[in-house]
Amino acid sequence: MNKELTSDPAAAARHARYGTLPERIRFEDMTEEVEAEPSGGVNASYNPEGSWKYYSCLALDLGL
């Protein structure tokens, strides 16, 4: 790659502002480990009587 210095003031301003890339972030710094609740939380319980609310069927939606 050929790097040439230019006398363009706009190019110099861009290079001064964006000339270097930021430091690399390690993968370990991007992730966070959190322990899950042993019971699964309150919302994890299954209610068979209320499960019909979330049932979706194309034939029923079309009234067939």
PDB file of N, CA and C in Angstrom:
ATOM      1  N   MET A   1       0.835  -1.158   0.000  1.00  0.00           N
ATOM      2  CA  MET A   1       0.000   0.000   0.000  1.00  0.00           C
ATOM      3  C   MET A   1       0.887   1.229   0.000  1.00  0.00           C
ATOM      4  N   ASN A   2       0.602   2.152  -0.845  1.00  0.00           N
ATOM      5  CA  ASN A   2       1.408   3.346  -0.991  1.00  0.00           C
ATOM      6  C   ASN A   2       0.836   4.466  -0.138  1.00  0.00           C
ATOM      7  N   LYS A   3       1.629   4.945   0.819  1.00  0.00           N
ATOM      8  CA  LYS A   3       1.186   6.046   1.666  1.00  0.00           C
ATOM      9  C   LYS A   3       1.858   7.321   1.190  1.00  0.00           C
ATOM     10  N   GLU A   4       1.049   8.246   0.780  1.00  0.00           N
ATOM     11  CA  GLU A   4       1.579   9.528   0.324  1.00  0.00           C
ATOM     12  C   GLU A   4       1.019  10.631   1.201  1.00  0.00           C
ATOM     13  N   LEU A   5       1.853  11.578   1.547  1.00  0.00           N
ATOM     14  CA  LEU A   5       1.402  12.731   2.310  1.00  0.00           C
ATOM     15  C   LEU A   5       0.785  13.735   1.359  1.00  0.00           C
ATOM     16  N   THR A   6      -0.369  14.245   1.752  1.00  0.00           N
ATOM     17  CA  THR A   6      -1.032  15.232   0.911  1.00  0.00           C
ATOM     18  C   THR A   6      -1.042  16.565   1.633  1.00  0.00           C
ATOM     19  N   SER A   7      -1.155  17.612   0.876  1.00  0.00           N
ATOM     20  CA  SER A   7      -1.194  18.953   1.465  1.00  0.00           C
ATOM     21  C   SER A   7      -2.629  19.442   1.598  1.00  0.00           C
ATOM     22  N   ASP A   8      -3.592  18.547   1.379  1.00  0.00           N
ATOM     23  CA  ASP A   8      -5.002  18.905   1.491  1.00  0.00           C
ATOM     24  C   ASP A   8      -5.347  19.100   2.974  1.00  0.00           C
ATOM     25  N   PRO A   9      -5.861  20.255   3.367  1.00  0.00           N
ATOM     26  CA  PRO A   9      -6.166  20.479   4.786  1.00  0.00           C
ATOM     27  C   PRO A   9      -7.308  19.588   5.299  1.00  0.00           C
ATOM     28  N   ALA A  10      -8.260  19.267   4.433  1.00  0.00           N
ATOM     29  CA  ALA A  10      -9.353  18.395   4.861  1.00  0.00           C
ATOM     30  C   ALA A  10      -8.839  16.986   5.132  1.00  0.00           C
ATOM     31  N   ALA A  11      -7.938  16.507   4.292  1.00  0.00           N
ATOM     32  CA  ALA A  11      -7.365  15.178   4.497  1.00  0.00           C
ATOM     33  C   ALA A  11      -6.522  15.150   5.763  1.00  0.00           C
ATOM     34  N   ALA A  12      -5.810  16.219   6.040  1.00  0.00           N
ATOM     35  CA  ALA A  12      -5.007  16.284   7.260  1.00  0.00           C
ATOM     36  C   ALA A  12      -5.908  16.297   8.491  1.00  0.00           C
ATOM     37  N   ALA A  13      -7.033  16.992   8.418  1.00  0.00           N
ATOM     38  CA  ALA A  13      -7.963  17.027   9.542  1.00  0.00           C
ATOM     39  C   ALA A  13      -8.590  15.650   9.766  1.00  0.00           C
ATOM     40  N   ARG A  14      -8.942  14.950   8.665  1.00  0.00           N
ATOM     41  CA  ARG A  14      -9.491  13.601   8.802  1.00  0.00           C
ATOM     42  C   ARG A  14      -8.472  12.656   9.417  1.00  0.00           C
ATOM     43  N   HIS A  15      -7.236  12.774   8.982  1.00  0.00           N
ATOM     44  CA  HIS A  15      -6.194  11.901   9.520  1.00  0.00           C
ATOM     45  C   HIS A  15      -5.932  12.200  10.992  1.00  0.00           C
ATOM     46  N   ALA A  16      -6.006  13.466  11.367  1.00  0.00           N
ATOM     47  CA  ALA A  16      -5.799  13.818  12.770  1.00  0.00           C
ATOM     48  C   ALA A  16      -6.936  13.273  13.635  1.00  0.00           C
ATOM     49  N   ARG A  17      -8.142  13.260  13.092  1.00  0.00           N
ATOM     50  CA  ARG A  17      -9.282  12.810  13.871  1.00  0.00           C
ATOM     51  C   ARG A  17      -9.450  11.300  13.839  1.00  0.00           C
ATOM     52  N   TYR A  18      -9.290  10.674  12.665  1.00  0.00           N
ATOM     53  CA  TYR A  18      -9.561   9.253  12.505  1.00  0.00           C
ATOM     54  C   TYR A  18      -8.313   8.448  12.142  1.00  0.00           C
ATOM     55  N   GLY A  19      -7.154   8.982  12.362  1.00  0.00           N
ATOM     56  CA  GLY A  19      -5.926   8.352  11.891  1.00  0.00           C
ATOM     57  C   GLY A  19      -5.607   7.011  12.500  1.00  0.00           C
ATOM     58  N   THR A  20      -5.984   6.768  13.748  1.00  0.00           N
ATOM     59  CA  THR A  20      -5.651   5.495  14.382  1.00  0.00           C
ATOM     60  C   THR A  20      -6.914   4.782  14.813  1.00  0.00           C
ATOM     61  N   LEU A  21      -6.832   3.470  14.815  1.00  0.00           N
ATOM     62  CA  LEU A  21      -7.947   2.666  15.277  1.00  0.00           C
ATOM     63  C   LEU A  21      -7.934   2.602  16.798  1.00  0.00           C
ATOM     64  N   PRO A  22      -9.085   2.417  17.417  1.00  0.00           N
ATOM     65  CA  PRO A  22      -9.101   2.276  18.880  1.00  0.00           C
ATOM     66  C   PRO A  22      -8.449   0.969  19.300  1.00  0.00           C
ATOM     67  N   GLU A  23      -8.118   0.882  20.582  1.00  0.00           N
ATOM     68  CA  GLU A  23      -7.497  -0.338  21.086  1.00  0.00           C
ATOM     69  C   GLU A  23      -8.459  -1.496  20.971  1.00  0.00           C
ATOM     70  N   ARG A  24      -7.901  -2.679  20.772  1.00  0.00           N
ATOM     71  CA  ARG A  24      -8.707  -3.880  20.657  1.00  0.00           C
ATOM     72  C   ARG A  24      -9.284  -4.267  22.007  1.00  0.00           C
ATOM     73  N   ILE A  25     -10.536  -4.689  22.024  1.00  0.00           N
ATOM     74  CA  ILE A  25     -11.182  -5.141  23.251  1.00  0.00           C
ATOM     75  C   ILE A  25     -11.127  -6.660  23.281  1.00  0.00           C
ATOM     76  N   ARG A  26     -10.642  -7.204  24.387  1.00  0.00           N
ATOM     77  CA  ARG A  26     -10.543  -8.648  24.517  1.00  0.00           C
ATOM     78  C   ARG A  26     -11.931  -9.265  24.658  1.00  0.00           C
ATOM     79  N   PHE A  27     -12.074 -10.515  24.222  1.00  0.00           N
ATOM     80  CA  PHE A  27     -13.352 -11.210  24.306  1.00  0.00           C
ATOM     81  C   PHE A  27     -13.805 -11.345  25.756  1.00  0.00           C
ATOM     82  N   GLU A  28     -12.871 -11.569  26.662  1.00  0.00           N
ATOM     83  CA  GLU A  28     -13.201 -11.733  28.075  1.00  0.00           C
ATOM     84  C   GLU A  28     -13.809 -10.450  28.646  1.00  0.00           C
ATOM     85  N   ASP A  29     -13.417  -9.308  28.103  1.00  0.00           N
ATOM     86  CA  ASP A  29     -13.964  -8.043  28.575  1.00  0.00           C
ATOM     87  C   ASP A  29     -15.351  -7.758  27.995  1.00  0.00           C
ATOM     88  N   MET A  30     -15.720  -8.433  26.917  1.00  0.00           N
ATOM     89  CA  MET A  30     -17.017  -8.203  26.287  1.00  0.00           C
ATOM     90  C   MET A  30     -18.116  -9.091  26.855  1.00  0.00           C
ATOM     91  N   THR A  31     -17.768 -10.162  27.542  1.00  0.00           N
ATOM     92  CA  THR A  31     -18.770 -11.085  28.055  1.00  0.00           C
ATOM     93  C   THR A  31     -18.879 -10.968  29.564  1.00  0.00           C
ATOM     94  N   GLU A  32     -20.041 -11.344  30.058  1.00  0.00           N
ATOM     95  CA  GLU A  32     -20.278 -11.322  31.499  1.00  0.00           C
ATOM     96  C   GLU A  32     -20.983 -12.606  31.882  1.00  0.00           C
ATOM     97  N   GLU A  33     -20.482 -13.269  32.896  1.00  0.00           N
ATOM     98  CA  GLU A  33     -21.095 -14.502  33.353  1.00  0.00           C
ATOM     99  C   GLU A  33     -21.944 -14.197  34.570  1.00  0.00           C
ATOM    100  N   VAL A  34     -23.210 -14.643  34.507  1.00  0.00           N
ATOM    101  CA  VAL A  34     -24.134 -14.447  35.612  1.00  0.00           C
ATOM    102  C   VAL A  34     -24.740 -15.790  35.961  1.00  0.00           C
ATOM    103  N   GLU A  35     -24.774 -16.098  37.237  1.00  0.00           N
ATOM    104  CA  GLU A  35     -25.337 -17.368  37.672  1.00  0.00           C
ATOM    105  C   GLU A  35     -26.856 -17.317  37.558  1.00  0.00           C
ATOM    106  N   ALA A  36     -27.430 -18.366  36.984  1.00  0.00           N
ATOM    107  CA  ALA A  36     -28.883 -18.442  36.827  1.00  0.00           C
ATOM    108  C   ALA A  36     -29.517 -18.858  38.154  1.00  0.00           C
ATOM    109  N   GLU A  37     -30.785 -18.491  38.311  1.00  0.00           N
ATOM    110  CA  GLU A  37     -31.501 -18.880  39.517  1.00  0.00           C
ATOM    111  C   GLU A  37     -31.770 -20.378  39.478  1.00  0.00           C
ATOM    112  N   PRO A  38     -31.618 -21.080  40.601  1.00  0.00           N
ATOM    113  CA  PRO A  38     -31.827 -22.529  40.590  1.00  0.00           C
ATOM    114  C   PRO A  38     -33.268 -22.922  40.296  1.00  0.00           C
ATOM    115  N   SER A  39     -34.231 -22.102  40.674  1.00  0.00           N
ATOM    116  CA  SER A  39     -35.633 -22.460  40.444  1.00  0.00           C
ATOM    117  C   SER A  39     -36.093 -22.098  39.041  1.00  0.00           C
ATOM    118  N   GLY A  40     -35.304 -21.369  38.297  1.00  0.00           N
ATOM    119  CA  GLY A  40     -35.711 -20.966  36.963  1.00  0.00           C
ATOM    120  C   GLY A  40     -36.511 -19.680  36.969  1.00  0.00           C
ATOM    121  N   GLY A  41     -36.762 -19.122  38.127  1.00  0.00           N
ATOM    122  CA  GLY A  41     -37.530 -17.884  38.205  1.00  0.00           C
ATOM    123  C   GLY A  41     -39.020 -18.150  38.280  1.00  0.00           C
ATOM    124  N   VAL A  42     -39.765 -17.116  38.546  1.00  0.00           N
ATOM    125  CA  VAL A  42     -41.209 -17.234  38.697  1.00  0.00           C
ATOM    126  C   VAL A  42     -41.875 -17.490  37.354  1.00  0.00           C
ATOM    127  N   ASN A  43     -41.352 -16.927  36.284  1.00  0.00           N
ATOM    128  CA  ASN A  43     -41.972 -17.045  34.971  1.00  0.00           C
ATOM    129  C   ASN A  43     -41.716 -18.388  34.290  1.00  0.00           C
ATOM    130  N   ALA A  44     -40.919 -19.254  34.895  1.00  0.00           N
ATOM    131  CA  ALA A  44     -40.569 -20.514  34.256  1.00  0.00           C
ATOM    132  C   ALA A  44     -41.621 -21.598  34.479  1.00  0.00           C
ATOM    133  N   SER A  45     -42.641 -21.339  35.291  1.00  0.00           N
ATOM    134  CA  SER A  45     -43.639 -22.378  35.547  1.00  0.00           C
ATOM    135  C   SER A  45     -44.537 -22.563  34.331  1.00  0.00           C
ATOM    136  N   TYR A  46     -44.987 -23.784  34.128  1.00  0.00           N
ATOM    137  CA  TYR A  46     -45.821 -24.123  32.977  1.00  0.00           C
ATOM    138  C   TYR A  46     -47.276 -24.199  33.420  1.00  0.00           C
ATOM    139  N   ASN A  47     -48.141 -23.514  32.703  1.00  0.00           N
ATOM    140  CA  ASN A  47     -49.558 -23.519  33.003  1.00  0.00           C
ATOM    141  C   ASN A  47     -50.291 -24.144  31.821  1.00  0.00           C
ATOM    142  N   PRO A  48     -50.701 -25.417  31.909  1.00  0.00           N
ATOM    143  CA  PRO A  48     -51.339 -26.064  30.757  1.00  0.00           C
ATOM    144  C   PRO A  48     -52.696 -25.446  30.415  1.00  0.00           C
ATOM    145  N   GLU A  49     -53.398 -24.892  31.395  1.00  0.00           N
ATOM    146  CA  GLU A  49     -54.706 -24.297  31.121  1.00  0.00           C
ATOM    147  C   GLU A  49     -54.583 -22.988  30.356  1.00  0.00           C
ATOM    148  N   GLY A  50     -53.474 -22.294  30.525  1.00  0.00           N
ATOM    149  CA  GLY A  50     -53.284 -21.024  29.831  1.00  0.00           C
ATOM    150  C   GLY A  50     -52.483 -21.145  28.550  1.00  0.00           C
ATOM    151  N   SER A  51     -52.079 -22.368  28.197  1.00  0.00           N
ATOM    152  CA  SER A  51     -51.234 -22.526  27.017  1.00  0.00           C
ATOM    153  C   SER A  51     -52.004 -22.298  25.717  1.00  0.00           C
ATOM    154  N   TRP A  52     -53.323 -22.392  25.716  1.00  0.00           N
ATOM    155  CA  TRP A  52     -54.104 -22.174  24.507  1.00  0.00           C
ATOM    156  C   TRP A  52     -53.980 -20.737  24.013  1.00  0.00           C
ATOM    157  N   LYS A  53     -53.635 -19.822  24.882  1.00  0.00           N
ATOM    158  CA  LYS A  53     -53.508 -18.415  24.495  1.00  0.00           C
ATOM    159  C   LYS A  53     -52.372 -18.216  23.493  1.00  0.00           C
ATOM    160  N   TYR A  54     -51.374 -19.083  23.530  1.00  0.00           N
ATOM    161  CA  TYR A  54     -50.189 -18.912  22.712  1.00  0.00           C
ATOM    162  C   TYR A  54     -50.145 -19.879  21.544  1.00  0.00           C
ATOM    163  N   TYR A  55     -51.232 -20.637  21.331  1.00  0.00           N
ATOM    164  CA  TYR A  55     -51.282 -21.599  20.233  1.00  0.00           C
ATOM    165  C   TYR A  55     -51.612 -20.858  18.946  1.00  0.00           C
ATOM    166  N   SER A  56     -50.867 -21.130  17.915  1.00  0.00           N
ATOM    167  CA  SER A  56     -51.109 -20.484  16.640  1.00  0.00           C
ATOM    168  C   SER A  56     -51.224 -21.551  15.560  1.00  0.00           C
ATOM    169  N   CYS A  57     -52.282 -21.456  14.768  1.00  0.00           N
ATOM    170  CA  CYS A  57     -52.504 -22.405  13.696  1.00  0.00           C
ATOM    171  C   CYS A  57     -53.068 -21.632  12.516  1.00  0.00           C
ATOM    172  N   LEU A  58     -52.489 -21.796  11.344  1.00  0.00           N
ATOM    173  CA  LEU A  58     -52.933 -21.065  10.159  1.00  0.00           C
ATOM    174  C   LEU A  58     -54.360 -21.420   9.791  1.00  0.00           C
ATOM    175  N   ALA A  59     -54.748 -22.691   9.919  1.00  0.00           N
ATOM    176  CA  ALA A  59     -56.106 -23.095   9.585  1.00  0.00           C
ATOM    177  C   ALA A  59     -57.112 -22.417  10.511  1.00  0.00           C
ATOM    178  N   LEU A  60     -56.793 -22.324  11.793  1.00  0.00           N
ATOM    179  CA  LEU A  60     -57.694 -21.648  12.723  1.00  0.00           C
ATOM    180  C   LEU A  60     -57.740 -20.150  12.440  1.00  0.00           C
ATOM    181  N   ASP A  61     -56.596 -19.560  12.102  1.00  0.00           N
ATOM    182  CA  ASP A  61     -56.561 -18.134  11.792  1.00  0.00           C
ATOM    183  C   ASP A  61     -57.413 -17.803  10.562  1.00  0.00           C
ATOM    184  N   LEU A  62     -57.469 -18.720   9.607  1.00  0.00           N
ATOM    185  CA  LEU A  62     -58.268 -18.505   8.404  1.00  0.00           C
ATOM    186  C   LEU A  62     -59.719 -18.900   8.576  1.00  0.00           C
ATOM    187  N   GLY A  63     -60.055 -19.489   9.717  1.00  0.00           N
ATOM    188  CA  GLY A  63     -61.429 -19.888   9.971  1.00  0.00           C
ATOM    189  C   GLY A  63     -61.822 -21.164   9.276  1.00  0.00           C
ATOM    190  N   LEU A  64     -60.884 -22.017   8.999  1.00  0.00           N
ATOM    191  CA  LEU A  64     -61.183 -23.276   8.290  1.00  0.00           C
ATOM    192  C   LEU A  64     -61.543 -24.383   9.268  1.00  0.00           C
TER     193      LEU A  64
END
